[in-house]
Amino acid sequence: MGGFFSSEKMAGVFSYESSEVDWCEENYRHSEHVVEYFNTVSSFFFFIISPVMLYLLHPYARERNLAVHLVWVLMMFVGLFSAYFHMTLSFVGQMLDELSILWVLAVAYAAWFPRRLYPSFIKDRSTFSSLVLMFTLVTTLFSFFRPTANAYILNCFGFHLTYVVVAEMQRCTDQKALRLGKLSVAMWTLAISCWLSDRFGCSFWQRINFCYLHGVWHILIVMAVAYASTLIAYLDANYEIPYSLPELQYWPCDNRWAVGLPHIVLKGTTKTQKRC
């Protein structure tokens, strides 16, 4: 067996540069103990945004389900494992980084997938969530034997979630939500562009001595998740707790040119008709 637990591989999976992935940034440029310095440092941006988002979305989570906080708790683990991976470029670091992202997507999927889109044999969110998490657990165990499967699973989760959000936005008339949707797509597109450019255009960036786009990706993707997850939570609130009259706002500045982190304010206490 050529899997993760074979004896010939176990000895080296924790060692520096045991991963086959190496990003564009020059290795060991700023420290002999950190392989990719800027990529490592930029991973800590997760620890700045995640606690703020936990605080901003708490009123919604308290009314809806505190389990939705798991998305941003797991995002902190993504930042931790990303920092470890880029510091060492170890195989274990790569696995932890990829699997933490998988679990963020799985929890988001379980918490926010619209009930009206459930397969006919699933009657409630508890059953759906159990099936999603069971599938994710099996995928996690399988990935130790076939690590190359991670990318395919992540893409399946990510693209399907994107499809669902786009479909839901087509049913929504709230202009503030539509604007947030456009900002989410723009931020996501910019982040993905940085990732692809660093991965496949490295020779160009090396010529102009700017090899930090993967670190920029870390910053942009956290912001993209903040925008997209708030949008999904807002749509969910309109379906699941419409009596709370959810409204989108931005912190710290909520005016015509709203700038900052989006969050949900609950303005109602009695049931009303859903708006999206």
C-alpha atoms as a PDB file:
ATOM      1  CA  MET A   1       0.000   0.000   0.000  1.00  0.00           C
ATOM      2  CA  GLY A   2       1.256   3.458  -0.925  1.00  0.00           C
ATOM      3  CA  GLY A   3      -0.969   5.279   1.522  1.00  0.00           C
ATOM      4  CA  PHE A   4      -0.223   7.711   4.278  1.00  0.00           C
ATOM      5  CA  PHE A   5       0.352   5.059   6.928  1.00  0.00           C
ATOM      6  CA  SER A   6       2.900   2.942   5.032  1.00  0.00           C
ATOM      7  CA  SER A   7       6.096   2.569   7.028  1.00  0.00           C
ATOM      8  CA  GLU A   8       8.384   4.010   4.370  1.00  0.00           C
ATOM      9  CA  LYS A   9       6.451   7.286   4.317  1.00  0.00           C
ATOM     10  CA  MET A  10       5.682   7.793   7.992  1.00  0.00           C
ATOM     11  CA  ALA A  11       9.251   8.780   8.870  1.00  0.00           C
ATOM     12  CA  GLY A  12       9.376  11.763   6.542  1.00  0.00           C
ATOM     13  CA  VAL A  13       5.868  13.232   6.454  1.00  0.00           C
ATOM     14  CA  PHE A  14       6.653  15.696   9.267  1.00  0.00           C
ATOM     15  CA  SER A  15       9.973  16.825   7.816  1.00  0.00           C
ATOM     16  CA  TYR A  16      10.526  20.195   6.158  1.00  0.00           C
ATOM     17  CA  GLU A  17       9.705  20.295   2.409  1.00  0.00           C
ATOM     18  CA  SER A  18       8.261  16.765   2.412  1.00  0.00           C
ATOM     19  CA  SER A  19       5.217  18.129   0.559  1.00  0.00           C
ATOM     20  CA  GLU A  20       5.295  18.168  -3.236  1.00  0.00           C
ATOM     21  CA  VAL A  21       3.735  21.651  -3.181  1.00  0.00           C
ATOM     22  CA  ASP A  22       6.083  24.651  -3.218  1.00  0.00           C
ATOM     23  CA  TRP A  23       4.689  28.139  -3.763  1.00  0.00           C
ATOM     24  CA  CYS A  24       6.357  30.987  -5.619  1.00  0.00           C
ATOM     25  CA  GLU A  25       7.832  32.778  -2.609  1.00  0.00           C
ATOM     26  CA  GLU A  26      11.581  32.264  -2.185  1.00  0.00           C
ATOM     27  CA  ASN A  27      12.294  29.671   0.495  1.00  0.00           C
ATOM     28  CA  TYR A  28      14.190  30.545   3.698  1.00  0.00           C
ATOM     29  CA  ARG A  29      14.670  34.156   2.568  1.00  0.00           C
ATOM     30  CA  HIS A  30      13.977  35.726   5.982  1.00  0.00           C
ATOM     31  CA  SER A  31      14.512  32.849   8.415  1.00  0.00           C
ATOM     32  CA  GLU A  32      16.261  29.519   8.434  1.00  0.00           C
ATOM     33  CA  HIS A  33      13.334  28.074  10.385  1.00  0.00           C
ATOM     34  CA  VAL A  34      10.522  29.352   8.135  1.00  0.00           C
ATOM     35  CA  VAL A  35      10.363  28.119   4.544  1.00  0.00           C
ATOM     36  CA  GLU A  36       7.880  30.699   3.198  1.00  0.00           C
ATOM     37  CA  TYR A  37       7.953  33.699   5.513  1.00  0.00           C
ATOM     38  CA  PHE A  38       5.291  35.988   3.995  1.00  0.00           C
ATOM     39  CA  ASN A  39       2.924  33.101   3.306  1.00  0.00           C
ATOM     40  CA  THR A  40       3.295  32.049   6.940  1.00  0.00           C
ATOM     41  CA  VAL A  41       2.783  35.515   8.404  1.00  0.00           C
ATOM     42  CA  SER A  42      -0.222  36.298   6.174  1.00  0.00           C
ATOM     43  CA  SER A  43      -1.955  33.148   7.491  1.00  0.00           C
ATOM     44  CA  PHE A  44      -2.370  34.900  10.837  1.00  0.00           C
ATOM     45  CA  PHE A  45      -4.871  37.265   9.194  1.00  0.00           C
ATOM     46  CA  PHE A  46      -7.342  34.436   9.832  1.00  0.00           C
ATOM     47  CA  PHE A  47      -6.908  35.059  13.566  1.00  0.00           C
ATOM     48  CA  ILE A  48      -7.742  38.761  13.146  1.00  0.00           C
ATOM     49  CA  ILE A  49     -10.954  38.401  11.139  1.00  0.00           C
ATOM     50  CA  SER A  50     -12.376  35.201  12.670  1.00  0.00           C
ATOM     51  CA  PRO A  51     -12.933  36.503  16.247  1.00  0.00           C
ATOM     52  CA  VAL A  52     -14.511  39.699  14.884  1.00  0.00           C
ATOM     53  CA  MET A  53     -16.902  37.698  12.712  1.00  0.00           C
ATOM     54  CA  LEU A  54     -17.774  35.450  15.664  1.00  0.00           C
ATOM     55  CA  TYR A  55     -18.735  38.556  17.619  1.00  0.00           C
ATOM     56  CA  LEU A  56     -20.648  40.248  14.783  1.00  0.00           C
ATOM     57  CA  LEU A  57     -22.683  37.154  13.858  1.00  0.00           C
ATOM     58  CA  HIS A  58     -23.448  36.140  17.446  1.00  0.00           C
ATOM     59  CA  PRO A  59     -26.984  37.671  17.571  1.00  0.00           C
ATOM     60  CA  TYR A  60     -27.917  35.681  14.459  1.00  0.00           C
ATOM     61  CA  ALA A  61     -26.247  32.494  15.759  1.00  0.00           C
ATOM     62  CA  ARG A  62     -27.954  32.813  19.147  1.00  0.00           C
ATOM     63  CA  GLU A  63     -31.372  33.083  17.503  1.00  0.00           C
ATOM     64  CA  ARG A  64     -30.727  30.534  14.764  1.00  0.00           C
ATOM     65  CA  ASN A  65     -28.272  27.941  16.081  1.00  0.00           C
ATOM     66  CA  LEU A  66     -24.972  28.418  17.903  1.00  0.00           C
ATOM     67  CA  ALA A  67     -23.528  25.636  15.744  1.00  0.00           C
ATOM     68  CA  VAL A  68     -23.065  28.163  12.910  1.00  0.00           C
ATOM     69  CA  HIS A  69     -20.191  29.605  14.959  1.00  0.00           C
ATOM     70  CA  LEU A  70     -18.258  26.458  14.015  1.00  0.00           C
ATOM     71  CA  VAL A  71     -17.580  27.966  10.587  1.00  0.00           C
ATOM     72  CA  TRP A  72     -15.422  30.744  12.043  1.00  0.00           C
ATOM     73  CA  VAL A  73     -13.960  28.581  14.794  1.00  0.00           C
ATOM     74  CA  LEU A  74     -12.745  26.216  12.078  1.00  0.00           C
ATOM     75  CA  MET A  75     -11.465  29.162  10.060  1.00  0.00           C
ATOM     76  CA  MET A  76      -9.023  29.825  12.896  1.00  0.00           C
ATOM     77  CA  PHE A  77      -7.799  26.248  12.530  1.00  0.00           C
ATOM     78  CA  VAL A  78      -7.392  26.873   8.800  1.00  0.00           C
ATOM     79  CA  GLY A  79      -5.140  29.821   9.665  1.00  0.00           C
ATOM     80  CA  LEU A  80      -3.162  27.756  12.184  1.00  0.00           C
ATOM     81  CA  PHE A  81      -2.598  24.839   9.828  1.00  0.00           C
ATOM     82  CA  SER A  82      -1.886  27.157   6.896  1.00  0.00           C
ATOM     83  CA  ALA A  83       0.836  28.864   8.940  1.00  0.00           C
ATOM     84  CA  TYR A  84       2.304  25.479   9.907  1.00  0.00           C
ATOM     85  CA  PHE A  85       2.217  24.266   6.308  1.00  0.00           C
ATOM     86  CA  HIS A  86       3.955  27.319   4.865  1.00  0.00           C
ATOM     87  CA  MET A  87       6.468  27.396   7.705  1.00  0.00           C
ATOM     88  CA  THR A  88       7.524  23.798   7.013  1.00  0.00           C
ATOM     89  CA  LEU A  89       6.129  22.791   3.610  1.00  0.00           C
ATOM     90  CA  SER A  90       5.654  19.379   5.234  1.00  0.00           C
ATOM     91  CA  PHE A  91       3.277  16.737   3.958  1.00  0.00           C
ATOM     92  CA  VAL A  92       1.429  16.691   7.291  1.00  0.00           C
ATOM     93  CA  GLY A  93       1.079  20.466   7.112  1.00  0.00           C
ATOM     94  CA  GLN A  94      -0.403  20.203   3.633  1.00  0.00           C
ATOM     95  CA  MET A  95      -2.890  17.550   4.778  1.00  0.00           C
ATOM     96  CA  LEU A  96      -3.978  19.551   7.823  1.00  0.00           C
ATOM     97  CA  ASP A  97      -4.361  22.691   5.716  1.00  0.00           C
ATOM     98  CA  GLU A  98      -6.517  20.983   3.082  1.00  0.00           C
ATOM     99  CA  LEU A  99      -8.627  18.984   5.534  1.00  0.00           C
ATOM    100  CA  SER A 100      -9.393  22.021   7.689  1.00  0.00           C
ATOM    101  CA  ILE A 101     -10.744  23.770   4.585  1.00  0.00           C
ATOM    102  CA  LEU A 102     -12.810  20.672   3.799  1.00  0.00           C
ATOM    103  CA  TRP A 103     -14.399  20.771   7.261  1.00  0.00           C
ATOM    104  CA  VAL A 104     -15.201  24.481   6.978  1.00  0.00           C
ATOM    105  CA  LEU A 105     -17.060  23.785   3.733  1.00  0.00           C
ATOM    106  CA  ALA A 106     -18.806  20.747   5.242  1.00  0.00           C
ATOM    107  CA  VAL A 107     -20.046  22.658   8.290  1.00  0.00           C
ATOM    108  CA  ALA A 108     -21.256  25.524   6.087  1.00  0.00           C
ATOM    109  CA  TYR A 109     -22.994  22.999   3.862  1.00  0.00           C
ATOM    110  CA  ALA A 110     -24.694  21.297   6.820  1.00  0.00           C
ATOM    111  CA  ALA A 111     -25.763  24.540   8.493  1.00  0.00           C
ATOM    112  CA  TRP A 112     -26.965  26.579   5.524  1.00  0.00           C
ATOM    113  CA  PHE A 113     -27.998  24.341   2.630  1.00  0.00           C
ATOM    114  CA  PRO A 114     -31.641  25.319   1.874  1.00  0.00           C
ATOM    115  CA  ARG A 115     -34.169  22.799   3.125  1.00  0.00           C
ATOM    116  CA  ARG A 116     -36.281  23.167   0.004  1.00  0.00           C
ATOM    117  CA  LEU A 117     -33.401  21.661  -2.007  1.00  0.00           C
ATOM    118  CA  TYR A 118     -33.045  18.527   0.145  1.00  0.00           C
ATOM    119  CA  PRO A 119     -33.451  15.154  -1.591  1.00  0.00           C
ATOM    120  CA  SER A 120     -36.934  13.752  -1.091  1.00  0.00           C
ATOM    121  CA  PHE A 121     -35.799  11.084   1.381  1.00  0.00           C
ATOM    122  CA  ILE A 122     -34.395  13.713   3.803  1.00  0.00           C
ATOM    123  CA  LYS A 123     -37.024  15.375   5.990  1.00  0.00           C
ATOM    124  CA  ASP A 124     -35.058  17.590   8.398  1.00  0.00           C
ATOM    125  CA  ARG A 125     -31.760  19.447   8.799  1.00  0.00           C
ATOM    126  CA  SER A 126     -30.527  17.124  11.522  1.00  0.00           C
ATOM    127  CA  THR A 127     -30.612  14.142   9.158  1.00  0.00           C
ATOM    128  CA  PHE A 128     -29.044  16.147   6.345  1.00  0.00           C
ATOM    129  CA  SER A 129     -26.264  17.451   8.608  1.00  0.00           C
ATOM    130  CA  SER A 130     -25.519  13.946   9.881  1.00  0.00           C
ATOM    131  CA  LEU A 131     -25.166  12.646   6.323  1.00  0.00           C
ATOM    132  CA  VAL A 132     -22.907  15.540   5.299  1.00  0.00           C
ATOM    133  CA  LEU A 133     -20.652  15.130   8.322  1.00  0.00           C
ATOM    134  CA  MET A 134     -20.531  11.345   7.887  1.00  0.00           C
ATOM    135  CA  PHE A 135     -19.478  11.815   4.256  1.00  0.00           C
ATOM    136  CA  THR A 136     -16.833  14.339   5.340  1.00  0.00           C
ATOM    137  CA  LEU A 137     -15.462  11.972   7.984  1.00  0.00           C
ATOM    138  CA  VAL A 138     -15.177   9.155   5.444  1.00  0.00           C
ATOM    139  CA  THR A 139     -13.516  11.548   2.986  1.00  0.00           C
ATOM    140  CA  THR A 140     -11.062  12.652   5.682  1.00  0.00           C
ATOM    141  CA  LEU A 141     -10.044   9.069   6.450  1.00  0.00           C
ATOM    142  CA  PHE A 142      -9.812   8.189   2.749  1.00  0.00           C
ATOM    143  CA  SER A 143      -7.589  11.212   2.051  1.00  0.00           C
ATOM    144  CA  PHE A 144      -4.801   9.752   4.213  1.00  0.00           C
ATOM    145  CA  PHE A 145      -4.596   6.877   1.751  1.00  0.00           C
ATOM    146  CA  ARG A 146      -5.267   8.949  -1.390  1.00  0.00           C
ATOM    147  CA  PRO A 147      -4.225  12.560  -0.652  1.00  0.00           C
ATOM    148  CA  THR A 148      -4.749  13.594  -4.281  1.00  0.00           C
ATOM    149  CA  ALA A 149      -8.505  13.182  -3.744  1.00  0.00           C
ATOM    150  CA  ASN A 150      -8.598  16.263  -1.495  1.00  0.00           C
ATOM    151  CA  ALA A 151      -8.543  18.771  -4.328  1.00  0.00           C
ATOM    152  CA  TYR A 152     -11.450  17.074  -6.095  1.00  0.00           C
ATOM    153  CA  ILE A 153     -13.589  16.937  -2.941  1.00  0.00           C
ATOM    154  CA  LEU A 154     -12.862  20.581  -2.100  1.00  0.00           C
ATOM    155  CA  ASN A 155     -13.809  21.634  -5.615  1.00  0.00           C
ATOM    156  CA  CYS A 156     -17.063  19.634  -5.493  1.00  0.00           C
ATOM    157  CA  PHE A 157     -18.098  21.261  -2.213  1.00  0.00           C
ATOM    158  CA  GLY A 158     -16.978  24.735  -3.277  1.00  0.00           C
ATOM    159  CA  PHE A 159     -18.558  24.782  -6.729  1.00  0.00           C
ATOM    160  CA  HIS A 160     -21.851  23.337  -5.524  1.00  0.00           C
ATOM    161  CA  LEU A 161     -22.084  25.879  -2.686  1.00  0.00           C
ATOM    162  CA  THR A 162     -21.395  28.632  -5.217  1.00  0.00           C
ATOM    163  CA  TYR A 163     -24.136  27.301  -7.490  1.00  0.00           C
ATOM    164  CA  VAL A 164     -26.630  27.206  -4.606  1.00  0.00           C
ATOM    165  CA  VAL A 165     -25.823  30.788  -3.558  1.00  0.00           C
ATOM    166  CA  VAL A 166     -26.201  32.083  -7.123  1.00  0.00           C
ATOM    167  CA  ALA A 167     -29.537  30.255  -7.462  1.00  0.00           C
ATOM    168  CA  GLU A 168     -30.764  31.706  -4.174  1.00  0.00           C
ATOM    169  CA  MET A 169     -29.726  35.236  -5.145  1.00  0.00           C
ATOM    170  CA  GLN A 170     -31.902  35.002  -8.247  1.00  0.00           C
ATOM    171  CA  ARG A 171     -34.907  34.652  -5.953  1.00  0.00           C
ATOM    172  CA  CYS A 172     -33.962  37.660  -3.825  1.00  0.00           C
ATOM    173  CA  THR A 173     -34.988  41.302  -4.403  1.00  0.00           C
ATOM    174  CA  ASP A 174     -33.196  42.896  -1.442  1.00  0.00           C
ATOM    175  CA  GLN A 175     -30.788  45.404  -3.007  1.00  0.00           C
ATOM    176  CA  LYS A 176     -28.374  45.353  -0.078  1.00  0.00           C
ATOM    177  CA  ALA A 177     -28.151  41.560  -0.317  1.00  0.00           C
ATOM    178  CA  LEU A 178     -27.619  41.739  -4.066  1.00  0.00           C
ATOM    179  CA  ARG A 179     -24.824  44.267  -3.561  1.00  0.00           C
ATOM    180  CA  LEU A 180     -23.206  42.006  -0.970  1.00  0.00           C
ATOM    181  CA  GLY A 181     -23.489  39.128  -3.434  1.00  0.00           C
ATOM    182  CA  LYS A 182     -21.652  41.124  -6.103  1.00  0.00           C
ATOM    183  CA  LEU A 183     -18.952  42.129  -3.619  1.00  0.00           C
ATOM    184  CA  SER A 184     -18.560  38.495  -2.548  1.00  0.00           C
ATOM    185  CA  VAL A 185     -18.122  37.340  -6.141  1.00  0.00           C
ATOM    186  CA  ALA A 186     -15.657  40.160  -6.880  1.00  0.00           C
ATOM    187  CA  MET A 187     -13.590  39.400  -3.767  1.00  0.00           C
ATOM    188  CA  TRP A 188     -13.630  35.662  -4.516  1.00  0.00           C
ATOM    189  CA  THR A 189     -12.605  36.248  -8.150  1.00  0.00           C
ATOM    190  CA  LEU A 190      -9.714  38.488  -7.102  1.00  0.00           C
ATOM    191  CA  ALA A 191      -8.573  35.934  -4.514  1.00  0.00           C
ATOM    192  CA  ILE A 192      -8.705  33.034  -6.975  1.00  0.00           C
ATOM    193  CA  SER A 193      -6.818  35.135  -9.549  1.00  0.00           C
ATOM    194  CA  CYS A 194      -4.003  35.662  -7.038  1.00  0.00           C
ATOM    195  CA  TRP A 195      -3.880  31.931  -6.236  1.00  0.00           C
ATOM    196  CA  LEU A 196      -3.769  30.911  -9.917  1.00  0.00           C
ATOM    197  CA  SER A 197      -1.267  33.595 -10.840  1.00  0.00           C
ATOM    198  CA  ASP A 198       1.097  32.579  -8.034  1.00  0.00           C
ATOM    199  CA  ARG A 199       0.722  28.898  -8.928  1.00  0.00           C
ATOM    200  CA  PHE A 200       1.038  29.081 -12.703  1.00  0.00           C
ATOM    201  CA  GLY A 201       2.663  32.456 -13.398  1.00  0.00           C
ATOM    202  CA  CYS A 202       5.531  32.192 -10.937  1.00  0.00           C
ATOM    203  CA  SER A 203       8.283  32.791 -13.508  1.00  0.00           C
ATOM    204  CA  PHE A 204       6.819  36.209 -14.366  1.00  0.00           C
ATOM    205  CA  TRP A 205       6.528  37.289 -10.722  1.00  0.00           C
ATOM    206  CA  GLN A 206      10.058  36.106 -10.040  1.00  0.00           C
ATOM    207  CA  ARG A 207      11.353  38.290 -12.865  1.00  0.00           C
ATOM    208  CA  ILE A 208       9.829  41.393 -11.285  1.00  0.00           C
ATOM    209  CA  ASN A 209      10.774  40.218  -7.784  1.00  0.00           C
ATOM    210  CA  PHE A 210       7.200  40.058  -6.452  1.00  0.00           C
ATOM    211  CA  CYS A 211       6.484  36.520  -5.270  1.00  0.00           C
ATOM    212  CA  TYR A 212       3.876  37.199  -2.610  1.00  0.00           C
ATOM    213  CA  LEU A 213       0.533  36.635  -4.334  1.00  0.00           C
ATOM    214  CA  HIS A 214      -0.222  33.495  -2.331  1.00  0.00           C
ATOM    215  CA  GLY A 215       0.074  35.568   0.835  1.00  0.00           C
ATOM    216  CA  VAL A 216      -2.283  38.140  -0.698  1.00  0.00           C
ATOM    217  CA  TRP A 217      -4.638  35.229  -1.449  1.00  0.00           C
ATOM    218  CA  HIS A 218      -4.735  34.413   2.282  1.00  0.00           C
ATOM    219  CA  ILE A 219      -5.919  37.935   3.097  1.00  0.00           C
ATOM    220  CA  LEU A 220      -8.430  38.153   0.266  1.00  0.00           C
ATOM    221  CA  ILE A 221      -9.926  34.708   0.864  1.00  0.00           C
ATOM    222  CA  VAL A 222     -10.650  35.500   4.528  1.00  0.00           C
ATOM    223  CA  MET A 223     -12.482  38.646   3.427  1.00  0.00           C
ATOM    224  CA  ALA A 224     -14.316  36.708   0.702  1.00  0.00           C
ATOM    225  CA  VAL A 225     -15.479  34.111   3.242  1.00  0.00           C
ATOM    226  CA  ALA A 226     -16.617  36.897   5.593  1.00  0.00           C
ATOM    227  CA  TYR A 227     -18.719  38.447   2.820  1.00  0.00           C
ATOM    228  CA  ALA A 228     -20.067  35.174   1.412  1.00  0.00           C
ATOM    229  CA  SER A 229     -20.865  33.526   4.757  1.00  0.00           C
ATOM    230  CA  THR A 230     -22.748  36.615   5.948  1.00  0.00           C
ATOM    231  CA  LEU A 231     -24.752  36.630   2.726  1.00  0.00           C
ATOM    232  CA  ILE A 232     -25.600  32.933   3.101  1.00  0.00           C
ATOM    233  CA  ALA A 233     -26.514  33.462   6.763  1.00  0.00           C
ATOM    234  CA  TYR A 234     -28.770  36.380   5.802  1.00  0.00           C
ATOM    235  CA  LEU A 235     -30.611  34.317   3.203  1.00  0.00           C
ATOM    236  CA  ASP A 236     -30.900  31.495   5.734  1.00  0.00           C
ATOM    237  CA  ALA A 237     -32.297  33.875   8.366  1.00  0.00           C
ATOM    238  CA  ASN A 238     -35.026  35.007   5.971  1.00  0.00           C
ATOM    239  CA  TYR A 239     -36.113  31.375   5.529  1.00  0.00           C
ATOM    240  CA  GLU A 240     -35.562  29.913   8.969  1.00  0.00           C
ATOM    241  CA  ILE A 241     -36.223  32.846  11.352  1.00  0.00           C
ATOM    242  CA  PRO A 242     -38.149  35.424   9.267  1.00  0.00           C
ATOM    243  CA  TYR A 243     -39.869  36.786  12.404  1.00  0.00           C
ATOM    244  CA  SER A 244     -36.505  38.267  13.481  1.00  0.00           C
ATOM    245  CA  LEU A 245     -36.514  40.739  10.546  1.00  0.00           C
ATOM    246  CA  PRO A 246     -32.841  40.276   9.618  1.00  0.00           C
ATOM    247  CA  GLU A 247     -31.046  43.241   8.098  1.00  0.00           C
ATOM    248  CA  LEU A 248     -27.558  43.539   6.615  1.00  0.00           C
ATOM    249  CA  GLN A 249     -25.188  46.114   8.055  1.00  0.00           C
ATOM    250  CA  TYR A 250     -21.448  46.784   7.936  1.00  0.00           C
ATOM    251  CA  TRP A 251     -18.969  47.229  10.750  1.00  0.00           C
ATOM    252  CA  PRO A 252     -17.528  49.692  11.601  1.00  0.00           C
ATOM    253  CA  CYS A 253     -19.104  51.965   8.961  1.00  0.00           C
ATOM    254  CA  ASP A 254     -22.660  51.462   7.730  1.00  0.00           C
ATOM    255  CA  ASN A 255     -23.704  54.241   5.358  1.00  0.00           C
ATOM    256  CA  ARG A 256     -24.273  54.666   1.639  1.00  0.00           C
ATOM    257  CA  TRP A 257     -20.680  53.647   0.919  1.00  0.00           C
ATOM    258  CA  ALA A 258     -20.698  50.777   3.380  1.00  0.00           C
ATOM    259  CA  VAL A 259     -17.156  49.701   4.135  1.00  0.00           C
ATOM    260  CA  GLY A 260     -16.030  46.975   6.508  1.00  0.00           C
ATOM    261  CA  LEU A 261     -17.221  43.574   7.613  1.00  0.00           C
ATOM    262  CA  PRO A 262     -20.847  42.642   6.905  1.00  0.00           C
ATOM    263  CA  HIS A 263     -23.060  41.280   9.645  1.00  0.00           C
ATOM    264  CA  ILE A 264     -26.728  40.667  10.457  1.00  0.00           C
ATOM    265  CA  VAL A 265     -28.872  42.800  12.738  1.00  0.00           C
ATOM    266  CA  LEU A 266     -32.133  41.261  13.982  1.00  0.00           C
ATOM    267  CA  LYS A 267     -34.807  43.947  14.276  1.00  0.00           C
ATOM    268  CA  GLY A 268     -37.979  41.952  14.872  1.00  0.00           C
ATOM    269  CA  THR A 269     -39.482  39.733  17.542  1.00  0.00           C
ATOM    270  CA  THR A 270     -42.770  38.705  15.899  1.00  0.00           C
ATOM    271  CA  LYS A 271     -43.340  36.554  12.861  1.00  0.00           C
ATOM    272  CA  THR A 272     -43.555  38.266   9.487  1.00  0.00           C
ATOM    273  CA  GLN A 273     -43.388  37.284   5.843  1.00  0.00           C
ATOM    274  CA  LYS A 274     -39.954  36.377   4.522  1.00  0.00           C
ATOM    275  CA  ARG A 275     -38.406  38.832   2.099  1.00  0.00           C
ATOM    276  CA  CYS A 276     -36.037  36.670   0.038  1.00  0.00           C
END
